[in-house]
Amino acid sequence: MPRPTRRALGALVAAPGLLSLAACGGSGTGGGSGDPSVLRVVDYYNTPADDVVIQETLETVASEVGMTISREKIPGDQLIQKVLQMSSSKTLPDLLMLDNPDLQEIASSGALVPLEDFGIDTSGFQPEILDAGTYEGKVYGLAPTVNTIALFYNTAMLAEAGLEPPTTWDELTSAAKALTHDDVYGIAFSAIATYEGTWQFLPFMWSNGGDETDIATPEVAGAAQLWADLVEDGSASQGVVNWGQGDVIDQFKAGKAAMAVNGPWNIVGLQNDAPDLEWEVAIIPVPAEGEDSVAPLGGEVWTIPQTGDGEKQQQAAEVLQKFVSPENQLRMGTARNTIPADAEAAQTFAADHPELATFVEQVSTARSRTGKLGTQWPATAKAIYTAYQQVLVDGVDPETAFSDAAASLG
């Protein structure tokens, strides 16, 4: 969820039995559309902004190589299980979209083919974006566009309080406290017990020097302490432990939060639902001035499954190469409020869309969640949200909570 639940935080831990079945079916024949001129595509896009431009782009690039598209849309919370079932029954599609944290699980099952096998050119893609589609040193998926999170702020409220957008944690805490009054909280964020909450915690953890390979450190605990302090002094609602990112943006829309951590996918809704609201976006504050704000990289990667049909796979590769061209990245990014993966295209995008320039800047230092831990990421993500929930709900000391969480990982 890169977007709420459905996107950058949609990583699911596949059952071992399903994974073994997937591995057995991965090298067999079958799958695809069955029609040599039709490429079968599976994704989870169902919102108008996503659905229309994805369909149009796929149809256009497929026609350029003499193919047509047959597209199947599967709900995001069902996609991984469906993919594993298709792998075991040898009915994988010709092109498969995955939320980037899920790629590790599917690639490890043997259901995908490395893109280098088809000579796909990945030059121009930012390294961290390639990492999001990489498993054991090989690129299996490409993201034409990506997303991340930043700090939305109510410009009128900050101006009335005589405040500039905060850039450091000290400025954030003081600004949030000053902006809190009556039924308005200074800041809203998602600290829910899901991968979505972990996604929102990562910019604070990473920017403070915390690392997912060892969560029992003062740096990780310090990020949780920041959240705890904001809730304890009333600058953030106690409801953050139950809020998803949709709830957070709703608080911001309603004028009940002066600042909110959120993503570009909610901009259209924000503009439509609160047309009179004055707002801008800033980089997520860092512990000390001059440090990098490091946020998680969200978005979907497109892959070529192991169908056993070499000719069809090569055709799918041609379509994929055209699909992720810089021109198409700009087109899809504009339609979806997402950031092109190509470095030069991203800069062009920022110039053309100043309202999204902050997200382009935030993406430039963003990190893949699975880059270091691979298939171990989901377990660590769960340990992280379990720990900060203990801090915020039960009042457990952050160092104790994260030490216990680290111990649970073995």
Protein backbone atom coordinates (compact mmCIF):
# COMPACT_ATOMS: atom_id res chain seq x y z
CA MET A 1 0.00 0.00 0.00
CA PRO A 2 2.20 2.00 -0.93
CA ARG A 3 -1.26 2.75 -0.83
CA PRO A 4 -3.51 1.66 2.04
CA THR A 5 -3.36 -2.10 2.57
CA ARG A 6 -3.85 -2.73 -1.13
CA ARG A 7 -0.51 -1.29 -2.17
CA ALA A 8 2.83 -0.80 -0.63
CA LEU A 9 1.78 -2.58 2.51
CA GLY A 10 0.02 -5.52 0.94
CA ALA A 11 2.82 -7.97 1.71
CA LEU A 12 1.37 -11.33 2.73
CA VAL A 13 3.18 -14.28 4.23
CA ALA A 14 2.38 -17.23 1.99
CA ALA A 15 1.67 -20.56 3.60
CA PRO A 16 4.63 -22.97 3.22
CA GLY A 17 2.42 -25.55 1.58
CA LEU A 18 1.32 -23.12 -1.09
CA LEU A 19 4.88 -22.04 -1.73
CA SER A 20 6.03 -25.60 -2.28
CA LEU A 21 3.15 -26.19 -4.66
CA ALA A 22 4.08 -23.03 -6.53
CA ALA A 23 7.65 -24.18 -6.87
CA CYS A 24 6.50 -27.49 -8.31
CA GLY A 25 4.30 -25.83 -10.90
CA GLY A 26 6.68 -23.01 -11.81
CA SER A 27 8.67 -24.81 -14.47
CA GLY A 28 5.85 -26.58 -16.19
CA THR A 29 4.00 -25.66 -19.36
CA GLY A 30 0.58 -24.12 -19.56
CA GLY A 31 -0.66 -20.76 -18.38
CA GLY A 32 -0.89 -17.66 -20.51
CA SER A 33 -3.96 -17.09 -22.64
CA GLY A 34 -3.80 -20.14 -24.89
CA ASP A 35 -4.22 -17.84 -27.92
CA PRO A 36 -0.84 -17.04 -29.54
CA SER A 37 -1.92 -13.47 -30.34
CA VAL A 38 -3.33 -12.67 -26.88
CA LEU A 39 -1.34 -11.83 -23.75
CA ARG A 40 -3.11 -12.64 -20.50
CA VAL A 41 -2.50 -10.01 -17.84
CA VAL A 42 -3.27 -10.16 -14.11
CA ASP A 43 -3.24 -7.13 -11.79
CA TYR A 44 -5.31 -5.60 -8.98
CA TYR A 45 -6.04 -2.10 -10.29
CA ASN A 46 -9.70 -1.18 -9.85
CA THR A 47 -9.86 2.57 -9.22
CA PRO A 48 -10.66 4.72 -12.27
CA ALA A 49 -7.36 6.63 -12.20
CA ASP A 50 -5.39 3.38 -12.21
CA ASP A 51 -7.64 1.18 -14.28
CA VAL A 52 -8.16 3.35 -17.33
CA VAL A 53 -4.57 4.43 -17.98
CA ILE A 54 -3.18 0.94 -17.30
CA GLN A 55 -5.66 -0.60 -19.76
CA GLU A 56 -5.00 2.01 -22.43
CA THR A 57 -1.23 1.78 -22.07
CA LEU A 58 -1.21 -2.01 -22.18
CA GLU A 59 -3.44 -2.07 -25.25
CA THR A 60 -1.27 0.47 -27.04
CA VAL A 61 2.07 -1.24 -26.42
CA ALA A 62 0.63 -4.69 -27.14
CA SER A 63 -0.67 -3.52 -30.51
CA GLU A 64 2.81 -2.26 -31.37
CA VAL A 65 4.09 -5.85 -31.24
CA GLY A 66 1.04 -7.34 -32.92
CA MET A 67 -0.65 -8.60 -29.76
CA THR A 68 -3.87 -7.96 -27.88
CA ILE A 69 -4.53 -7.98 -24.15
CA SER A 70 -6.85 -10.09 -22.03
CA ARG A 71 -6.84 -8.57 -18.54
CA GLU A 72 -7.99 -10.10 -15.27
CA LYS A 73 -8.33 -7.91 -12.16
CA ILE A 74 -8.05 -9.70 -8.80
CA PRO A 75 -8.73 -7.92 -5.47
CA GLY A 76 -5.46 -6.95 -3.78
CA ASP A 77 -6.07 -8.99 -0.63
CA GLN A 78 -6.61 -12.11 -2.75
CA LEU A 79 -3.86 -11.70 -5.33
CA ILE A 80 -0.99 -13.61 -3.70
CA GLN A 81 -3.05 -16.68 -2.89
CA LYS A 82 -4.51 -16.64 -6.40
CA VAL A 83 -1.04 -16.37 -7.95
CA LEU A 84 0.23 -19.33 -5.94
CA GLN A 85 -2.81 -21.35 -6.94
CA MET A 86 -2.26 -20.44 -10.59
CA SER A 87 1.37 -21.46 -10.28
CA SER A 88 0.51 -24.87 -8.85
CA SER A 89 -2.16 -25.45 -11.53
CA LYS A 90 0.12 -24.16 -14.32
CA THR A 91 -2.26 -21.36 -15.24
CA LEU A 92 -0.03 -18.35 -14.65
CA PRO A 93 -0.62 -15.30 -16.89
CA ASP A 94 1.81 -13.91 -19.43
CA LEU A 95 2.24 -10.66 -17.49
CA LEU A 96 1.76 -10.39 -13.74
CA MET A 97 1.67 -7.29 -11.56
CA LEU A 98 2.70 -7.61 -7.89
CA ASP A 99 2.90 -5.19 -5.01
CA ASN A 100 6.66 -4.79 -4.67
CA PRO A 101 7.05 -6.40 -1.19
CA ASP A 102 5.31 -9.53 -2.51
CA LEU A 103 7.82 -10.12 -5.29
CA GLN A 104 10.25 -11.88 -2.93
CA GLU A 105 7.70 -14.52 -1.98
CA ILE A 106 6.63 -15.21 -5.54
CA ALA A 107 10.14 -15.18 -7.02
CA SER A 108 11.36 -17.58 -4.31
CA SER A 109 8.60 -20.00 -5.31
CA GLY A 110 10.03 -20.36 -8.83
CA ALA A 111 6.98 -18.78 -10.45
CA LEU A 112 8.85 -15.90 -12.13
CA VAL A 113 11.62 -15.57 -14.73
CA PRO A 114 14.54 -13.11 -14.35
CA LEU A 115 14.06 -10.25 -16.77
CA GLU A 116 17.68 -10.48 -17.91
CA ASP A 117 16.73 -13.74 -19.63
CA PHE A 118 14.81 -11.64 -22.15
CA GLY A 119 17.37 -8.87 -22.53
CA ILE A 120 15.12 -6.24 -20.95
CA ASP A 121 16.94 -2.92 -20.57
CA THR A 122 16.75 -1.52 -17.02
CA SER A 123 19.15 1.39 -17.51
CA GLY A 124 17.70 4.66 -16.30
CA PHE A 125 15.82 3.06 -13.42
CA GLN A 126 16.87 4.40 -10.04
CA PRO A 127 18.86 1.74 -8.09
CA GLU A 128 16.48 1.59 -5.12
CA ILE A 129 13.56 1.09 -7.47
CA LEU A 130 15.35 -1.82 -9.11
CA ASP A 131 16.02 -3.23 -5.64
CA ALA A 132 12.28 -3.39 -5.07
CA GLY A 133 11.99 -5.80 -7.99
CA THR A 134 15.12 -7.82 -7.23
CA TYR A 135 15.43 -11.29 -5.68
CA GLU A 136 18.82 -12.90 -4.96
CA GLY A 137 20.64 -10.42 -7.16
CA LYS A 138 18.41 -10.71 -10.21
CA VAL A 139 15.71 -8.32 -11.37
CA TYR A 140 12.35 -10.05 -11.67
CA GLY A 141 10.04 -7.05 -11.76
CA LEU A 142 9.98 -3.44 -12.98
CA ALA A 143 7.91 -0.62 -11.54
CA PRO A 144 7.01 2.00 -14.16
CA THR A 145 5.99 4.39 -11.39
CA VAL A 146 6.39 4.41 -7.61
CA ASN A 147 5.14 6.24 -4.55
CA THR A 148 6.09 7.04 -0.98
CA ILE A 149 4.82 9.16 1.90
CA ALA A 150 5.45 12.72 3.01
CA LEU A 151 4.01 15.32 5.37
CA PHE A 152 0.81 17.09 4.32
CA TYR A 153 0.15 20.33 6.17
CA ASN A 154 -2.71 22.80 6.41
CA THR A 155 -1.14 26.04 5.21
CA ALA A 156 -3.79 28.25 6.78
CA MET A 157 -3.38 26.64 10.20
CA LEU A 158 0.39 26.93 10.12
CA ALA A 159 0.22 30.52 8.93
CA GLU A 160 -2.22 31.42 11.69
CA ALA A 161 0.14 29.90 14.25
CA GLY A 162 3.11 31.70 12.69
CA LEU A 163 4.84 28.42 11.85
CA GLU A 164 6.90 27.14 8.96
CA PRO A 165 6.65 23.49 7.91
CA PRO A 166 8.80 21.48 10.36
CA THR A 167 12.03 19.96 9.09
CA THR A 168 13.38 18.34 12.30
CA TRP A 169 11.87 16.23 15.04
CA ASP A 170 12.15 19.09 17.54
CA GLU A 171 10.33 21.39 15.14
CA LEU A 172 7.74 18.67 14.48
CA THR A 173 6.93 18.12 18.15
CA SER A 174 6.78 21.83 18.96
CA ALA A 175 4.69 22.62 15.88
CA ALA A 176 2.30 19.73 16.55
CA LYS A 177 1.81 20.92 20.12
CA ALA A 178 1.24 24.52 19.05
CA LEU A 179 -1.29 23.47 16.40
CA THR A 180 -3.32 21.32 18.81
CA HIS A 181 -6.43 22.98 20.19
CA ASP A 182 -10.12 22.29 20.73
CA ASP A 183 -10.92 19.36 18.43
CA VAL A 184 -7.85 19.80 16.19
CA TYR A 185 -4.75 17.64 16.62
CA GLY A 186 -1.36 18.87 15.49
CA ILE A 187 -0.54 15.71 13.55
CA ALA A 188 -2.16 12.49 12.34
CA PHE A 189 -0.43 9.29 11.29
CA SER A 190 -1.24 5.60 11.04
CA ALA A 191 0.08 3.44 13.86
CA ILE A 192 -2.29 0.57 13.16
CA ALA A 193 -1.21 -3.03 13.79
CA THR A 194 -0.73 -3.88 10.13
CA TYR A 195 1.95 -3.57 7.46
CA GLU A 196 0.35 -0.22 6.68
CA GLY A 197 1.39 1.07 10.09
CA THR A 198 4.91 -0.28 9.69
CA TRP A 199 5.11 1.54 6.36
CA GLN A 200 4.35 4.81 8.17
CA PHE A 201 6.83 4.04 10.95
CA LEU A 202 9.76 3.39 8.60
CA PRO A 203 10.60 7.03 7.72
CA PHE A 204 11.09 7.77 11.41
CA MET A 205 12.98 4.54 12.08
CA TRP A 206 15.26 4.77 9.04
CA SER A 207 15.90 8.50 9.31
CA ASN A 208 16.97 7.95 12.93
CA GLY A 209 19.54 5.37 11.87
CA GLY A 210 17.40 2.34 12.68
CA ASP A 211 17.70 -0.73 10.52
CA GLU A 212 15.38 -3.66 9.84
CA THR A 213 18.23 -6.15 10.22
CA ASP A 214 18.37 -5.34 13.96
CA ILE A 215 15.33 -3.70 15.52
CA ALA A 216 16.64 -3.98 19.10
CA THR A 217 18.57 -0.72 18.92
CA PRO A 218 18.24 2.72 20.53
CA GLU A 219 17.69 4.22 17.06
CA VAL A 220 14.59 2.10 16.43
CA ALA A 221 13.31 2.67 19.97
CA GLY A 222 13.88 6.39 19.54
CA ALA A 223 11.49 6.52 16.60
CA ALA A 224 8.82 4.79 18.67
CA GLN A 225 9.48 7.24 21.51
CA LEU A 226 8.78 10.13 19.14
CA TRP A 227 5.39 8.65 18.31
CA ALA A 228 4.71 7.96 21.98
CA ASP A 229 5.58 11.53 22.94
CA LEU A 230 3.22 12.95 20.31
CA VAL A 231 0.35 10.80 21.58
CA GLU A 232 1.15 11.31 25.25
CA ASP A 233 1.12 15.11 25.09
CA GLY A 234 -2.08 15.14 23.05
CA SER A 235 -0.52 16.39 19.81
CA ALA A 236 -1.72 13.20 18.13
CA SER A 237 -4.93 11.36 18.85
CA GLN A 238 -4.88 8.05 20.69
CA GLY A 239 -6.91 6.88 17.71
CA VAL A 240 -3.76 6.62 15.60
CA VAL A 241 -3.39 3.01 16.82
CA ASN A 242 -6.59 2.15 14.92
CA TRP A 243 -6.25 4.45 11.91
CA GLY A 244 -5.29 3.30 8.45
CA GLN A 245 -3.96 5.85 5.99
CA GLY A 246 -7.46 6.48 4.66
CA ASP A 247 -8.58 7.44 8.16
CA VAL A 248 -5.59 9.75 8.51
CA ILE A 249 -6.37 11.67 5.33
CA ASP A 250 -10.02 11.88 6.38
CA GLN A 251 -8.93 13.63 9.59
CA PHE A 252 -6.89 16.05 7.52
CA LYS A 253 -9.73 16.68 5.05
CA ALA A 254 -12.10 17.45 7.91
CA GLY A 255 -9.70 19.99 9.43
CA LYS A 256 -9.22 17.84 12.51
CA ALA A 257 -5.48 17.42 11.91
CA ALA A 258 -3.12 20.24 10.98
CA MET A 259 -0.51 17.84 9.61
CA ALA A 260 -0.76 14.29 8.30
CA VAL A 261 1.65 11.63 7.07
CA ASN A 262 0.22 10.30 3.82
CA GLY A 263 0.79 9.54 0.15
CA PRO A 264 0.07 11.00 -3.29
CA TRP A 265 -2.62 8.44 -4.07
CA ASN A 266 -4.97 10.42 -1.79
CA ILE A 267 -4.43 13.77 -3.51
CA VAL A 268 -7.31 13.41 -5.97
CA GLY A 269 -9.70 12.52 -3.17
CA LEU A 270 -8.38 15.39 -1.09
CA GLN A 271 -8.94 17.84 -3.93
CA ASN A 272 -12.42 16.49 -4.66
CA ASP A 273 -13.65 16.14 -1.10
CA ALA A 274 -12.12 19.31 0.36
CA PRO A 275 -11.75 21.74 -2.56
CA ASP A 276 -11.46 24.76 -0.26
CA LEU A 277 -8.77 23.27 1.97
CA GLU A 278 -5.40 24.99 1.66
CA TRP A 279 -2.56 22.49 1.91
CA GLU A 280 0.95 21.69 0.77
CA VAL A 281 3.39 18.82 1.21
CA ALA A 282 6.80 18.73 2.91
CA ILE A 283 9.54 16.15 3.36
CA ILE A 284 9.05 14.04 6.50
CA PRO A 285 11.09 15.71 9.28
CA VAL A 286 14.42 14.20 10.35
CA PRO A 287 16.07 13.93 13.78
CA ALA A 288 18.59 16.70 13.04
CA GLU A 289 18.94 19.41 10.42
CA GLY A 290 20.76 18.36 7.26
CA GLU A 291 20.09 14.64 7.55
CA ASP A 292 18.34 12.63 4.84
CA SER A 293 14.68 11.78 5.22
CA VAL A 294 14.47 8.11 4.25
CA ALA A 295 11.00 6.82 3.42
CA PRO A 296 9.78 3.45 2.09
CA LEU A 297 9.31 2.88 -1.61
CA GLY A 298 5.81 1.86 -2.66
CA GLY A 299 4.37 0.79 -5.94
CA GLU A 300 3.83 -2.26 -8.08
CA VAL A 301 6.26 -4.26 -10.19
CA TRP A 302 5.45 -6.02 -13.45
CA THR A 303 6.83 -9.51 -13.94
CA ILE A 304 7.00 -12.32 -16.47
CA PRO A 305 5.75 -15.61 -14.98
CA GLN A 306 7.20 -19.03 -15.73
CA THR A 307 4.56 -20.38 -18.12
CA GLY A 308 6.83 -22.67 -20.10
CA ASP A 309 5.92 -20.91 -23.36
CA GLY A 310 9.20 -19.31 -24.42
CA GLU A 311 7.81 -17.54 -27.48
CA LYS A 312 4.94 -16.01 -25.52
CA GLN A 313 7.31 -14.95 -22.74
CA GLN A 314 9.49 -13.12 -25.25
CA GLN A 315 6.43 -11.31 -26.60
CA ALA A 316 5.44 -10.40 -23.06
CA ALA A 317 8.96 -9.05 -22.53
CA GLU A 318 8.62 -6.81 -25.60
CA VAL A 319 5.35 -5.48 -24.26
CA LEU A 320 6.85 -4.93 -20.80
CA GLN A 321 9.84 -3.05 -22.23
CA LYS A 322 7.53 -0.66 -24.06
CA PHE A 323 5.16 -0.42 -21.11
CA VAL A 324 7.92 0.92 -18.84
CA SER A 325 9.38 3.39 -21.34
CA PRO A 326 10.04 6.89 -19.91
CA GLU A 327 7.22 8.27 -22.06
CA ASN A 328 4.73 5.80 -20.63
CA GLN A 329 6.06 6.35 -17.13
CA LEU A 330 5.26 10.06 -17.48
CA ARG A 331 1.83 9.31 -18.89
CA MET A 332 0.90 6.83 -16.17
CA GLY A 333 2.46 8.95 -13.45
CA THR A 334 0.38 11.95 -14.49
CA ALA A 335 -2.84 9.94 -14.52
CA ARG A 336 -2.15 8.19 -11.21
CA ASN A 337 -0.22 10.79 -9.15
CA THR A 338 2.73 8.41 -8.99
CA ILE A 339 6.41 9.08 -9.63
CA PRO A 340 8.25 7.83 -12.75
CA ALA A 341 10.96 5.26 -11.98
CA ASP A 342 13.36 6.63 -14.57
CA ALA A 343 15.58 9.29 -12.97
CA GLU A 344 15.35 11.80 -15.84
CA ALA A 345 11.63 11.23 -16.30
CA ALA A 346 11.12 11.86 -12.58
CA GLN A 347 12.77 15.28 -12.84
CA THR A 348 10.63 16.18 -15.85
CA PHE A 349 7.59 15.04 -13.89
CA ALA A 350 8.50 17.24 -10.92
CA ALA A 351 8.81 20.27 -13.16
CA ASP A 352 5.47 19.56 -14.82
CA HIS A 353 3.68 18.72 -11.57
CA PRO A 354 4.96 21.02 -8.81
CA GLU A 355 2.30 19.74 -6.41
CA LEU A 356 4.07 16.37 -6.53
CA ALA A 357 7.66 17.65 -6.52
CA THR A 358 8.05 16.87 -2.81
CA PHE A 359 7.23 13.23 -3.47
CA VAL A 360 9.82 13.13 -6.26
CA GLU A 361 12.37 14.44 -3.77
CA GLN A 362 11.27 11.96 -1.10
CA VAL A 363 11.50 9.08 -3.59
CA SER A 364 15.10 10.06 -4.40
CA THR A 365 16.20 8.84 -0.94
CA ALA A 366 13.52 6.18 -0.47
CA ARG A 367 14.38 2.53 0.22
CA SER A 368 12.95 -0.83 -0.71
CA ARG A 369 11.48 -2.63 2.30
CA THR A 370 12.69 -6.01 1.11
CA GLY A 371 16.13 -4.92 -0.14
CA LYS A 372 17.99 -6.20 2.94
CA LEU A 373 15.73 -8.92 4.34
CA GLY A 374 14.17 -10.41 1.23
CA THR A 375 11.58 -13.02 2.17
CA GLN A 376 12.18 -12.30 5.87
CA TRP A 377 10.68 -8.81 5.58
CA PRO A 378 7.03 -9.71 6.38
CA ALA A 379 7.98 -11.28 9.71
CA THR A 380 10.06 -8.24 10.67
CA ALA A 381 7.31 -5.86 9.58
CA LYS A 382 4.93 -7.68 11.92
CA ALA A 383 7.45 -7.54 14.76
CA ILE A 384 7.78 -3.78 14.24
CA TYR A 385 4.07 -3.04 14.38
CA THR A 386 3.62 -5.37 17.33
CA ALA A 387 6.31 -3.47 19.24
CA TYR A 388 5.10 0.07 18.59
CA GLN A 389 1.54 -1.00 19.44
CA GLN A 390 2.80 -2.21 22.82
CA VAL A 391 4.43 1.18 23.31
CA LEU A 392 1.38 3.22 22.30
CA VAL A 393 -1.40 1.02 23.71
CA ASP A 394 0.17 -0.65 26.73
CA GLY A 395 2.75 1.95 27.70
CA VAL A 396 5.68 -0.47 27.37
CA ASP A 397 9.12 1.16 27.26
CA PRO A 398 10.23 1.32 23.59
CA GLU A 399 13.59 -0.38 24.17
CA THR A 400 11.87 -3.25 25.98
CA ALA A 401 9.17 -3.59 23.35
CA PHE A 402 11.61 -3.72 20.45
CA SER A 403 14.04 -6.00 22.27
CA ASP A 404 11.19 -8.44 22.83
CA ALA A 405 10.13 -8.07 19.19
CA ALA A 406 13.66 -8.81 17.99
CA ALA A 407 13.82 -11.88 20.23
CA SER A 408 10.59 -13.16 18.67
CA LEU A 409 12.31 -13.23 15.29
CA GLY A 410 14.86 -15.72 16.55
